[in-house]
Amino acid sequence: MNLAVDVISDVICPWCYVGKRRLEKAVAALDGKHEVRIRWLPFQLNPTMPKEGIGRREYRTRKFGSWERSLELDARVIAVGKSEGIHFAFDRIERTPNTLDAHRLIWLADEEGVQDAVVEALFRAYFTEGRDIGNRQSLLDVVAEAGLDRARAEAMLNGDEGLVAFEEAEGLSLRFRVEGVPFFVVNGEVTLSGAQQPDAFLEAFGRGER
């Protein structure tokens, strides 16, 4: 049986990166017994973020009340990431970006058949390499390196393509009352919220088959 997994996430959400790794482990555990189609849909943690983004220290201090509290939360994520083979280098991140264009390019990557590679590249660029994925040229560099045609991507950003993905994601979010990400929908009905362990995904896959 085929399994379809819709993932509602934001590319600046560290738990979404962790969730991606755990989902991948669950899919690998199926050992090819099912064909799994994973599709990434947009969620903006900061929908009112200025186009140019905000300095990360300023943003995190404002959000969590102090820079020290932000560092405590980062340390927790770093430890979890390490257990999943992810190197979170928060000290390299200078700005918290607006992710609208990144999500539009993820939509385009789905159309072009390279969505997983582009999502992975965006997570890695932001969290490990500290690249500003809100900057258009930097963003285009990242997706082109992941296999998306740069000229096509640039042309798309100059128009208004890709916004349809937000409409679809909003519909799912309203239907399933999504309040945080990552959020996973298996075969359009079974849901998981948060960066669940692989066993939780496998259990959801089993329910999705029925």
N, C-alpha and C. Protein backbone atom coordinates (compact mmCIF):
# COMPACT_ATOMS: atom_id res chain seq x y z
N MET A 1 0.84 -1.20 0.00
CA MET A 1 0.00 0.00 0.00
C MET A 1 0.87 1.25 0.00
N ASN A 2 0.41 2.27 -0.68
CA ASN A 2 1.14 3.54 -0.69
C ASN A 2 0.76 4.37 0.53
N LEU A 3 1.74 5.09 1.04
CA LEU A 3 1.51 5.99 2.16
C LEU A 3 1.84 7.42 1.73
N ALA A 4 0.96 8.34 2.02
CA ALA A 4 1.20 9.75 1.72
C ALA A 4 1.33 10.50 3.04
N VAL A 5 2.43 11.20 3.19
CA VAL A 5 2.68 11.94 4.44
C VAL A 5 2.84 13.42 4.09
N ASP A 6 1.93 14.24 4.58
CA ASP A 6 2.06 15.69 4.44
C ASP A 6 2.70 16.23 5.71
N VAL A 7 3.75 17.01 5.53
CA VAL A 7 4.47 17.57 6.68
C VAL A 7 4.31 19.09 6.66
N ILE A 8 3.66 19.61 7.69
CA ILE A 8 3.51 21.05 7.83
C ILE A 8 4.66 21.52 8.72
N SER A 9 5.49 22.41 8.19
CA SER A 9 6.69 22.79 8.95
C SER A 9 7.21 24.15 8.51
N ASP A 10 8.19 24.63 9.27
CA ASP A 10 8.92 25.84 8.88
C ASP A 10 10.40 25.51 8.87
N VAL A 11 11.12 26.05 7.91
CA VAL A 11 12.55 25.71 7.76
C VAL A 11 13.43 26.36 8.82
N ILE A 12 12.87 27.20 9.68
CA ILE A 12 13.66 27.74 10.79
C ILE A 12 13.20 27.14 12.12
N CYS A 13 12.46 26.03 12.04
CA CYS A 13 12.02 25.30 13.23
C CYS A 13 12.97 24.13 13.46
N PRO A 14 13.78 24.16 14.51
CA PRO A 14 14.74 23.07 14.72
C PRO A 14 14.07 21.72 14.96
N TRP A 15 12.91 21.73 15.62
CA TRP A 15 12.22 20.47 15.87
C TRP A 15 11.67 19.87 14.58
N CYS A 16 11.45 20.71 13.57
CA CYS A 16 11.03 20.20 12.27
C CYS A 16 12.18 19.42 11.62
N TYR A 17 13.40 19.91 11.81
CA TYR A 17 14.59 19.21 11.29
C TYR A 17 14.74 17.87 12.01
N VAL A 18 14.57 17.88 13.32
CA VAL A 18 14.63 16.63 14.09
C VAL A 18 13.51 15.69 13.64
N GLY A 19 12.32 16.24 13.44
CA GLY A 19 11.20 15.42 12.98
C GLY A 19 11.46 14.78 11.63
N LYS A 20 12.16 15.51 10.76
CA LYS A 20 12.50 14.97 9.44
C LYS A 20 13.39 13.74 9.59
N ARG A 21 14.38 13.81 10.46
CA ARG A 21 15.27 12.68 10.68
C ARG A 21 14.52 11.47 11.23
N ARG A 22 13.62 11.71 12.16
CA ARG A 22 12.88 10.60 12.76
C ARG A 22 11.88 9.99 11.79
N LEU A 23 11.28 10.82 10.96
CA LEU A 23 10.40 10.31 9.91
C LEU A 23 11.20 9.45 8.94
N GLU A 24 12.39 9.90 8.58
CA GLU A 24 13.24 9.14 7.66
C GLU A 24 13.60 7.78 8.25
N LYS A 25 13.86 7.73 9.55
CA LYS A 25 14.17 6.46 10.21
C LYS A 25 12.97 5.51 10.14
N ALA A 26 11.78 6.07 10.33
CA ALA A 26 10.57 5.23 10.27
C ALA A 26 10.36 4.69 8.86
N VAL A 27 10.57 5.53 7.87
CA VAL A 27 10.41 5.08 6.47
C VAL A 27 11.43 3.99 6.15
N ALA A 28 12.67 4.18 6.63
CA ALA A 28 13.72 3.18 6.39
C ALA A 28 13.34 1.84 7.04
N ALA A 29 12.68 1.91 8.19
CA ALA A 29 12.30 0.69 8.91
C ALA A 29 11.23 -0.11 8.16
N LEU A 30 10.52 0.53 7.25
CA LEU A 30 9.52 -0.18 6.43
C LEU A 30 10.20 -1.11 5.44
N ASP A 31 11.49 -0.86 5.20
CA ASP A 31 12.30 -1.72 4.35
C ASP A 31 11.71 -1.93 2.96
N GLY A 32 11.16 -0.84 2.42
CA GLY A 32 10.65 -0.90 1.05
C GLY A 32 9.33 -1.61 0.87
N LYS A 33 8.67 -1.97 1.98
CA LYS A 33 7.40 -2.70 1.88
C LYS A 33 6.25 -1.80 1.44
N HIS A 34 6.43 -0.52 1.61
CA HIS A 34 5.42 0.45 1.19
C HIS A 34 6.11 1.58 0.45
N GLU A 35 5.41 2.15 -0.51
CA GLU A 35 5.92 3.35 -1.16
C GLU A 35 5.42 4.55 -0.36
N VAL A 36 6.34 5.39 0.08
CA VAL A 36 5.97 6.53 0.92
C VAL A 36 6.22 7.83 0.15
N ARG A 37 5.19 8.61 0.02
CA ARG A 37 5.28 9.91 -0.65
C ARG A 37 5.20 10.99 0.42
N ILE A 38 6.29 11.72 0.59
CA ILE A 38 6.35 12.78 1.59
C ILE A 38 6.29 14.14 0.90
N ARG A 39 5.44 14.98 1.40
CA ARG A 39 5.29 16.31 0.82
C ARG A 39 5.36 17.35 1.93
N TRP A 40 6.15 18.40 1.69
CA TRP A 40 6.36 19.44 2.69
C TRP A 40 5.48 20.64 2.38
N LEU A 41 4.73 21.08 3.39
CA LEU A 41 3.82 22.21 3.25
C LEU A 41 4.22 23.32 4.23
N PRO A 42 3.91 24.57 3.89
CA PRO A 42 4.44 25.70 4.67
C PRO A 42 3.68 26.06 5.93
N PHE A 43 4.45 26.52 6.88
CA PHE A 43 3.93 27.12 8.11
C PHE A 43 4.94 28.20 8.48
N GLN A 44 4.48 29.38 8.73
CA GLN A 44 5.39 30.46 9.12
C GLN A 44 5.30 30.70 10.62
N LEU A 45 6.38 30.41 11.31
CA LEU A 45 6.42 30.66 12.75
C LEU A 45 6.28 32.16 13.03
N ASN A 46 6.77 32.95 12.09
CA ASN A 46 6.75 34.41 12.26
C ASN A 46 6.15 35.06 11.02
N PRO A 47 4.83 34.96 10.84
CA PRO A 47 4.21 35.48 9.62
C PRO A 47 4.35 36.99 9.44
N THR A 48 4.61 37.72 10.53
CA THR A 48 4.76 39.18 10.43
C THR A 48 6.22 39.61 10.41
N MET A 49 7.12 38.64 10.25
CA MET A 49 8.55 38.96 10.20
C MET A 49 8.85 39.91 9.05
N PRO A 50 9.62 40.98 9.30
CA PRO A 50 10.00 41.88 8.21
C PRO A 50 10.72 41.11 7.10
N LYS A 51 10.60 41.59 5.88
CA LYS A 51 11.20 40.93 4.73
C LYS A 51 12.70 40.67 4.94
N GLU A 52 13.38 41.61 5.57
CA GLU A 52 14.83 41.49 5.79
C GLU A 52 15.19 40.68 7.03
N GLY A 53 14.18 40.23 7.79
CA GLY A 53 14.44 39.47 9.00
C GLY A 53 14.82 40.36 10.17
N ILE A 54 15.18 39.71 11.28
CA ILE A 54 15.58 40.42 12.50
C ILE A 54 16.82 39.73 13.06
N GLY A 55 17.72 40.50 13.65
CA GLY A 55 18.89 39.91 14.28
C GLY A 55 18.44 38.83 15.26
N ARG A 56 19.09 37.66 15.22
CA ARG A 56 18.62 36.53 16.03
C ARG A 56 18.64 36.83 17.52
N ARG A 57 19.70 37.48 17.99
CA ARG A 57 19.76 37.76 19.42
C ARG A 57 18.61 38.67 19.85
N GLU A 58 18.35 39.69 19.07
CA GLU A 58 17.24 40.60 19.38
C GLU A 58 15.91 39.85 19.37
N TYR A 59 15.70 39.06 18.34
CA TYR A 59 14.44 38.33 18.20
C TYR A 59 14.23 37.33 19.35
N ARG A 60 15.25 36.55 19.64
CA ARG A 60 15.13 35.51 20.67
C ARG A 60 14.99 36.12 22.06
N THR A 61 15.68 37.22 22.31
CA THR A 61 15.57 37.89 23.61
C THR A 61 14.16 38.41 23.81
N ARG A 62 13.61 38.96 22.75
CA ARG A 62 12.25 39.48 22.80
C ARG A 62 11.25 38.34 23.01
N LYS A 63 11.48 37.22 22.33
CA LYS A 63 10.55 36.10 22.39
C LYS A 63 10.58 35.37 23.72
N PHE A 64 11.78 35.16 24.27
CA PHE A 64 11.92 34.34 25.48
C PHE A 64 12.24 35.13 26.75
N GLY A 65 12.33 36.43 26.63
CA GLY A 65 12.52 37.25 27.82
C GLY A 65 13.96 37.55 28.17
N SER A 66 14.87 36.70 27.74
CA SER A 66 16.30 36.95 27.98
C SER A 66 17.13 36.11 27.02
N TRP A 67 18.34 36.57 26.74
CA TRP A 67 19.26 35.83 25.89
C TRP A 67 19.69 34.54 26.59
N GLU A 68 19.82 34.59 27.92
CA GLU A 68 20.23 33.41 28.68
C GLU A 68 19.21 32.28 28.53
N ARG A 69 17.92 32.64 28.56
CA ARG A 69 16.88 31.63 28.38
C ARG A 69 16.95 31.03 26.98
N SER A 70 17.23 31.87 25.98
CA SER A 70 17.39 31.39 24.62
C SER A 70 18.53 30.39 24.52
N LEU A 71 19.64 30.69 25.18
CA LEU A 71 20.79 29.79 25.13
C LEU A 71 20.48 28.46 25.80
N GLU A 72 19.69 28.48 26.87
CA GLU A 72 19.29 27.24 27.54
C GLU A 72 18.47 26.36 26.60
N LEU A 73 17.54 26.99 25.89
CA LEU A 73 16.71 26.24 24.94
C LEU A 73 17.55 25.72 23.78
N ASP A 74 18.49 26.52 23.31
CA ASP A 74 19.38 26.08 22.23
C ASP A 74 20.19 24.86 22.65
N ALA A 75 20.67 24.87 23.90
CA ALA A 75 21.50 23.75 24.39
C ALA A 75 20.70 22.44 24.38
N ARG A 76 19.43 22.54 24.73
CA ARG A 76 18.58 21.35 24.71
C ARG A 76 18.43 20.81 23.30
N VAL A 77 18.20 21.71 22.34
CA VAL A 77 18.03 21.29 20.95
C VAL A 77 19.33 20.73 20.39
N ILE A 78 20.45 21.35 20.75
CA ILE A 78 21.76 20.87 20.29
C ILE A 78 21.98 19.42 20.72
N ALA A 79 21.61 19.10 21.97
CA ALA A 79 21.80 17.75 22.49
C ALA A 79 20.92 16.74 21.74
N VAL A 80 19.66 17.12 21.51
CA VAL A 80 18.76 16.23 20.77
C VAL A 80 19.25 16.06 19.33
N GLY A 81 19.65 17.16 18.73
CA GLY A 81 20.15 17.11 17.36
C GLY A 81 21.34 16.18 17.22
N LYS A 82 22.24 16.24 18.18
CA LYS A 82 23.43 15.39 18.13
C LYS A 82 23.04 13.92 18.10
N SER A 83 22.00 13.56 18.85
CA SER A 83 21.56 12.16 18.89
C SER A 83 20.93 11.74 17.56
N GLU A 84 20.54 12.72 16.74
CA GLU A 84 19.93 12.43 15.44
C GLU A 84 20.90 12.69 14.28
N GLY A 85 22.15 13.00 14.60
CA GLY A 85 23.13 13.25 13.55
C GLY A 85 23.03 14.63 12.94
N ILE A 86 22.41 15.57 13.66
CA ILE A 86 22.28 16.95 13.18
C ILE A 86 23.20 17.84 14.01
N HIS A 87 23.98 18.64 13.34
CA HIS A 87 24.85 19.59 14.05
C HIS A 87 24.21 20.97 14.03
N PHE A 88 23.55 21.32 15.13
CA PHE A 88 22.96 22.65 15.24
C PHE A 88 24.06 23.64 15.67
N ALA A 89 24.32 24.60 14.80
CA ALA A 89 25.35 25.61 15.09
C ALA A 89 24.66 26.97 15.25
N PHE A 90 23.90 27.11 16.33
CA PHE A 90 23.13 28.33 16.53
C PHE A 90 24.02 29.57 16.62
N ASP A 91 25.26 29.38 17.06
CA ASP A 91 26.17 30.51 17.19
C ASP A 91 26.55 31.12 15.84
N ARG A 92 26.30 30.39 14.77
CA ARG A 92 26.62 30.88 13.43
C ARG A 92 25.46 31.66 12.80
N ILE A 93 24.29 31.58 13.42
CA ILE A 93 23.10 32.23 12.86
C ILE A 93 23.04 33.68 13.34
N GLU A 94 23.09 34.61 12.41
CA GLU A 94 23.06 36.03 12.76
C GLU A 94 21.65 36.61 12.71
N ARG A 95 20.83 36.09 11.78
CA ARG A 95 19.49 36.66 11.61
C ARG A 95 18.41 35.58 11.61
N THR A 96 17.26 35.93 12.16
CA THR A 96 16.06 35.11 12.02
C THR A 96 15.33 35.63 10.78
N PRO A 97 15.21 34.82 9.74
CA PRO A 97 14.71 35.32 8.46
C PRO A 97 13.19 35.22 8.29
N ASN A 98 12.69 35.96 7.34
CA ASN A 98 11.35 35.76 6.82
C ASN A 98 11.43 34.54 5.89
N THR A 99 10.52 33.58 6.04
CA THR A 99 10.65 32.33 5.28
C THR A 99 9.65 32.18 4.13
N LEU A 100 8.95 33.26 3.80
CA LEU A 100 7.95 33.16 2.73
C LEU A 100 8.56 32.64 1.43
N ASP A 101 9.65 33.24 0.97
CA ASP A 101 10.25 32.83 -0.30
C ASP A 101 10.83 31.42 -0.23
N ALA A 102 11.37 31.04 0.92
CA ALA A 102 11.88 29.67 1.08
C ALA A 102 10.75 28.67 0.88
N HIS A 103 9.59 28.96 1.45
CA HIS A 103 8.45 28.05 1.29
C HIS A 103 7.96 28.01 -0.15
N ARG A 104 7.99 29.13 -0.83
CA ARG A 104 7.58 29.14 -2.24
C ARG A 104 8.52 28.27 -3.07
N LEU A 105 9.80 28.30 -2.76
CA LEU A 105 10.77 27.48 -3.49
C LEU A 105 10.62 26.00 -3.15
N ILE A 106 10.19 25.71 -1.93
CA ILE A 106 9.91 24.32 -1.56
C ILE A 106 8.74 23.80 -2.39
N TRP A 107 7.74 24.65 -2.60
CA TRP A 107 6.62 24.29 -3.48
C TRP A 107 7.13 24.01 -4.89
N LEU A 108 7.98 24.88 -5.41
CA LEU A 108 8.52 24.68 -6.75
C LEU A 108 9.34 23.40 -6.81
N ALA A 109 10.10 23.13 -5.78
CA ALA A 109 10.91 21.91 -5.74
C ALA A 109 10.04 20.67 -5.81
N ASP A 110 8.85 20.72 -5.23
CA ASP A 110 7.92 19.60 -5.34
C ASP A 110 7.47 19.43 -6.78
N GLU A 111 7.17 20.54 -7.43
CA GLU A 111 6.77 20.50 -8.83
C GLU A 111 7.89 19.91 -9.71
N GLU A 112 9.13 20.16 -9.32
CA GLU A 112 10.28 19.73 -10.12
C GLU A 112 10.86 18.38 -9.66
N GLY A 113 10.28 17.80 -8.62
CA GLY A 113 10.74 16.48 -8.17
C GLY A 113 11.99 16.45 -7.32
N VAL A 114 12.35 17.59 -6.72
CA VAL A 114 13.56 17.63 -5.88
C VAL A 114 13.24 18.23 -4.51
N GLN A 115 12.00 18.03 -4.03
CA GLN A 115 11.61 18.71 -2.80
C GLN A 115 12.40 18.27 -1.58
N ASP A 116 12.60 16.97 -1.41
CA ASP A 116 13.32 16.51 -0.22
C ASP A 116 14.73 17.09 -0.18
N ALA A 117 15.40 17.10 -1.32
CA ALA A 117 16.77 17.63 -1.37
C ALA A 117 16.80 19.11 -1.02
N VAL A 118 15.81 19.85 -1.49
CA VAL A 118 15.76 21.29 -1.22
C VAL A 118 15.44 21.56 0.25
N VAL A 119 14.49 20.82 0.81
CA VAL A 119 14.16 20.99 2.23
C VAL A 119 15.37 20.67 3.09
N GLU A 120 16.04 19.57 2.79
CA GLU A 120 17.24 19.19 3.53
C GLU A 120 18.31 20.28 3.43
N ALA A 121 18.50 20.80 2.23
CA ALA A 121 19.52 21.83 2.01
C ALA A 121 19.21 23.11 2.79
N LEU A 122 17.94 23.47 2.84
CA LEU A 122 17.55 24.68 3.57
C LEU A 122 17.75 24.51 5.07
N PHE A 123 17.36 23.37 5.61
CA PHE A 123 17.61 23.10 7.03
C PHE A 123 19.10 23.17 7.33
N ARG A 124 19.90 22.50 6.52
CA ARG A 124 21.34 22.46 6.75
C ARG A 124 21.97 23.84 6.61
N ALA A 125 21.54 24.57 5.58
CA ALA A 125 22.11 25.90 5.34
C ALA A 125 21.85 26.82 6.53
N TYR A 126 20.64 26.77 7.06
CA TYR A 126 20.30 27.67 8.16
C TYR A 126 20.90 27.21 9.49
N PHE A 127 20.67 25.95 9.84
CA PHE A 127 21.03 25.49 11.17
C PHE A 127 22.49 25.09 11.35
N THR A 128 23.12 24.60 10.30
CA THR A 128 24.49 24.13 10.43
C THR A 128 25.51 25.11 9.84
N GLU A 129 25.14 25.73 8.71
CA GLU A 129 26.07 26.63 8.04
C GLU A 129 25.85 28.10 8.38
N GLY A 130 24.73 28.40 9.02
CA GLY A 130 24.45 29.78 9.42
C GLY A 130 24.22 30.72 8.26
N ARG A 131 23.70 30.20 7.15
CA ARG A 131 23.45 31.06 5.99
C ARG A 131 22.10 31.77 6.13
N ASP A 132 22.03 32.96 5.59
CA ASP A 132 20.80 33.76 5.69
C ASP A 132 19.85 33.36 4.57
N ILE A 133 18.92 32.46 4.88
CA ILE A 133 18.01 31.97 3.84
C ILE A 133 16.85 32.94 3.60
N GLY A 134 16.91 34.11 4.22
CA GLY A 134 15.96 35.17 3.92
C GLY A 134 16.50 36.11 2.85
N ASN A 135 17.81 36.05 2.64
CA ASN A 135 18.45 36.83 1.59
C ASN A 135 18.26 36.12 0.25
N ARG A 136 17.74 36.82 -0.73
CA ARG A 136 17.35 36.17 -1.98
C ARG A 136 18.51 35.46 -2.67
N GLN A 137 19.66 36.10 -2.78
CA GLN A 137 20.78 35.47 -3.48
C GLN A 137 21.30 34.25 -2.73
N SER A 138 21.37 34.37 -1.41
CA SER A 138 21.79 33.23 -0.60
C SER A 138 20.80 32.09 -0.73
N LEU A 139 19.52 32.43 -0.72
CA LEU A 139 18.46 31.43 -0.86
C LEU A 139 18.56 30.73 -2.21
N LEU A 140 18.77 31.49 -3.27
CA LEU A 140 18.90 30.90 -4.60
C LEU A 140 20.13 30.00 -4.68
N ASP A 141 21.21 30.42 -4.04
CA ASP A 141 22.43 29.58 -4.01
C ASP A 141 22.12 28.22 -3.40
N VAL A 142 21.42 28.24 -2.27
CA VAL A 142 21.12 26.99 -1.54
C VAL A 142 20.27 26.05 -2.38
N VAL A 143 19.19 26.56 -2.97
CA VAL A 143 18.29 25.66 -3.72
C VAL A 143 18.93 25.19 -5.02
N ALA A 144 19.77 26.04 -5.63
CA ALA A 144 20.45 25.62 -6.86
C ALA A 144 21.45 24.50 -6.56
N GLU A 145 22.13 24.61 -5.43
CA GLU A 145 23.07 23.56 -5.02
C GLU A 145 22.34 22.24 -4.77
N ALA A 146 21.05 22.33 -4.42
CA ALA A 146 20.26 21.13 -4.12
C ALA A 146 19.58 20.55 -5.35
N GLY A 147 19.77 21.19 -6.51
CA GLY A 147 19.24 20.61 -7.75
C GLY A 147 18.10 21.35 -8.40
N LEU A 148 17.69 22.49 -7.83
CA LEU A 148 16.62 23.28 -8.44
C LEU A 148 17.24 24.23 -9.46
N ASP A 149 16.62 24.35 -10.62
CA ASP A 149 17.15 25.23 -11.66
C ASP A 149 17.11 26.68 -11.17
N ARG A 150 18.28 27.31 -11.13
CA ARG A 150 18.37 28.65 -10.54
C ARG A 150 17.56 29.68 -11.32
N ALA A 151 17.63 29.62 -12.63
CA ALA A 151 16.89 30.60 -13.44
C ALA A 151 15.39 30.45 -13.23
N ARG A 152 14.93 29.20 -13.16
CA ARG A 152 13.50 28.95 -12.92
C ARG A 152 13.10 29.45 -11.53
N ALA A 153 13.95 29.20 -10.55
CA ALA A 153 13.66 29.62 -9.19
C ALA A 153 13.61 31.15 -9.09
N GLU A 154 14.56 31.81 -9.74
CA GLU A 154 14.61 33.26 -9.68
C GLU A 154 13.39 33.87 -10.37
N ALA A 155 13.01 33.30 -11.51
CA ALA A 155 11.84 33.79 -12.23
C ALA A 155 10.58 33.64 -11.38
N MET A 156 10.49 32.53 -10.67
CA MET A 156 9.33 32.31 -9.82
C MET A 156 9.25 33.34 -8.70
N LEU A 157 10.39 33.64 -8.09
CA LEU A 157 10.41 34.61 -6.99
C LEU A 157 10.04 36.01 -7.46
N ASN A 158 10.26 36.28 -8.74
CA ASN A 158 9.91 37.60 -9.29
C ASN A 158 8.42 37.73 -9.57
N GLY A 159 7.69 36.60 -9.46
CA GLY A 159 6.24 36.63 -9.64
C GLY A 159 5.56 36.28 -8.33
N ASP A 160 4.39 35.65 -8.45
CA ASP A 160 3.66 35.29 -7.23
C ASP A 160 3.31 33.81 -7.16
N GLU A 161 4.04 32.99 -7.91
CA GLU A 161 3.83 31.54 -7.86
C GLU A 161 4.17 31.00 -6.47
N GLY A 162 3.57 29.86 -6.16
CA GLY A 162 3.92 29.16 -4.93
C GLY A 162 3.03 29.49 -3.75
N LEU A 163 2.22 30.53 -3.87
CA LEU A 163 1.36 30.91 -2.76
C LEU A 163 0.23 29.91 -2.55
N VAL A 164 -0.06 29.11 -3.58
CA VAL A 164 -1.10 28.10 -3.46
C VAL A 164 -0.78 27.10 -2.35
N ALA A 165 0.52 26.88 -2.11
CA ALA A 165 0.91 25.95 -1.06
C ALA A 165 0.44 26.43 0.30
N PHE A 166 0.43 27.75 0.50
CA PHE A 166 -0.02 28.30 1.77
C PHE A 166 -1.53 28.08 1.94
N GLU A 167 -2.25 28.16 0.85
CA GLU A 167 -3.70 27.95 0.92
C GLU A 167 -4.00 26.51 1.31
N GLU A 168 -3.28 25.56 0.70
CA GLU A 168 -3.50 24.16 1.02
C GLU A 168 -3.13 23.87 2.47
N ALA A 169 -1.97 24.41 2.89
CA ALA A 169 -1.52 24.18 4.26
C ALA A 169 -2.49 24.79 5.26
N GLU A 170 -3.03 25.95 4.92
CA GLU A 170 -3.99 26.59 5.82
C GLU A 170 -5.25 25.75 5.96
N GLY A 171 -5.66 25.14 4.84
CA GLY A 171 -6.83 24.27 4.89
C GLY A 171 -6.60 23.08 5.81
N LEU A 172 -5.45 22.45 5.70
CA LEU A 172 -5.13 21.31 6.57
C LEU A 172 -5.01 21.77 8.02
N SER A 173 -4.39 22.92 8.22
CA SER A 173 -4.20 23.43 9.57
C SER A 173 -5.53 23.71 10.26
N LEU A 174 -6.48 24.23 9.51
CA LEU A 174 -7.80 24.50 10.08
C LEU A 174 -8.54 23.19 10.35
N ARG A 175 -8.43 22.27 9.43
CA ARG A 175 -9.12 20.98 9.58
C ARG A 175 -8.63 20.22 10.80
N PHE A 176 -7.31 20.20 10.98
CA PHE A 176 -6.74 19.41 12.08
C PHE A 176 -6.32 20.26 13.28
N ARG A 177 -6.69 21.54 13.25
CA ARG A 177 -6.40 22.47 14.36
C ARG A 177 -4.91 22.48 14.71
N VAL A 178 -4.11 22.70 13.70
CA VAL A 178 -2.66 22.74 13.89
C VAL A 178 -2.28 24.03 14.62
N GLU A 179 -1.60 23.87 15.75
CA GLU A 179 -1.16 25.03 16.53
C GLU A 179 0.35 25.15 16.60
N GLY A 180 1.05 24.10 16.19
CA GLY A 180 2.51 24.13 16.20
C GLY A 180 3.06 23.13 15.21
N VAL A 181 4.34 23.26 14.93
CA VAL A 181 5.00 22.38 13.97
C VAL A 181 6.26 21.78 14.60
N PRO A 182 6.67 20.59 14.05
CA PRO A 182 6.14 19.92 12.87
C PRO A 182 4.81 19.23 13.15
N PHE A 183 4.01 19.10 12.09
CA PHE A 183 2.73 18.41 12.17
C PHE A 183 2.64 17.51 10.95
N PHE A 184 2.30 16.24 11.18
CA PHE A 184 2.30 15.24 10.12
C PHE A 184 0.90 14.68 9.90
N VAL A 185 0.52 14.56 8.64
CA VAL A 185 -0.79 13.98 8.29
C VAL A 185 -0.53 12.77 7.39
N VAL A 186 -0.93 11.59 7.85
CA VAL A 186 -0.71 10.35 7.10
C VAL A 186 -2.00 9.95 6.40
N ASN A 187 -1.89 9.80 5.08
CA ASN A 187 -3.04 9.41 4.25
C ASN A 187 -4.27 10.27 4.50
N GLY A 188 -4.03 11.55 4.75
CA GLY A 188 -5.12 12.51 4.85
C GLY A 188 -5.97 12.42 6.09
N GLU A 189 -5.59 11.54 7.05
CA GLU A 189 -6.47 11.40 8.22
C GLU A 189 -5.77 11.16 9.54
N VAL A 190 -4.68 10.41 9.56
CA VAL A 190 -3.97 10.12 10.81
C VAL A 190 -2.93 11.21 11.05
N THR A 191 -2.93 11.78 12.25
CA THR A 191 -2.04 12.91 12.50
C THR A 191 -1.07 12.64 13.65
N LEU A 192 0.08 13.30 13.56
CA LEU A 192 1.06 13.33 14.65
C LEU A 192 1.53 14.77 14.81
N SER A 193 1.66 15.19 16.04
CA SER A 193 2.14 16.54 16.32
C SER A 193 3.47 16.47 17.05
N GLY A 194 4.44 17.23 16.57
CA GLY A 194 5.74 17.25 17.21
C GLY A 194 6.73 16.29 16.59
N ALA A 195 7.97 16.39 17.04
CA ALA A 195 9.06 15.55 16.51
C ALA A 195 9.02 14.18 17.19
N GLN A 196 8.05 13.39 16.80
CA GLN A 196 7.83 12.08 17.42
C GLN A 196 8.97 11.11 17.10
N GLN A 197 9.09 10.10 17.96
CA GLN A 197 10.08 9.04 17.73
C GLN A 197 9.62 8.16 16.56
N PRO A 198 10.56 7.46 15.90
CA PRO A 198 10.21 6.62 14.75
C PRO A 198 9.07 5.64 15.02
N ASP A 199 9.00 5.06 16.22
CA ASP A 199 7.93 4.10 16.53
C ASP A 199 6.55 4.74 16.40
N ALA A 200 6.46 6.02 16.76
CA ALA A 200 5.17 6.71 16.67
C ALA A 200 4.75 6.86 15.20
N PHE A 201 5.72 7.12 14.34
CA PHE A 201 5.42 7.20 12.91
C PHE A 201 4.97 5.84 12.37
N LEU A 202 5.66 4.78 12.80
CA LEU A 202 5.31 3.45 12.32
C LEU A 202 3.91 3.07 12.77
N GLU A 203 3.54 3.45 13.98
CA GLU A 203 2.19 3.17 14.47
C GLU A 203 1.17 3.94 13.64
N ALA A 204 1.50 5.20 13.32
CA ALA A 204 0.60 6.02 12.48
C ALA A 204 0.49 5.44 11.08
N PHE A 205 1.60 4.94 10.55
CA PHE A 205 1.56 4.31 9.23
C PHE A 205 0.59 3.13 9.24
N GLY A 206 0.63 2.34 10.33
CA GLY A 206 -0.26 1.20 10.45
C GLY A 206 -1.71 1.61 10.49
N ARG A 207 -2.01 2.69 11.20
CA ARG A 207 -3.40 3.17 11.26
C ARG A 207 -3.81 3.74 9.91
N GLY A 208 -2.85 4.35 9.20
CA GLY A 208 -3.15 4.94 7.90
C GLY A 208 -3.49 3.90 6.85
N GLU A 209 -3.05 2.66 7.06
CA GLU A 209 -3.31 1.58 6.10
C GLU A 209 -4.75 1.11 6.18
N ARG A 210 -5.37 1.24 7.32
CA ARG A 210 -6.72 0.70 7.51
C ARG A 210 -7.77 1.54 6.82
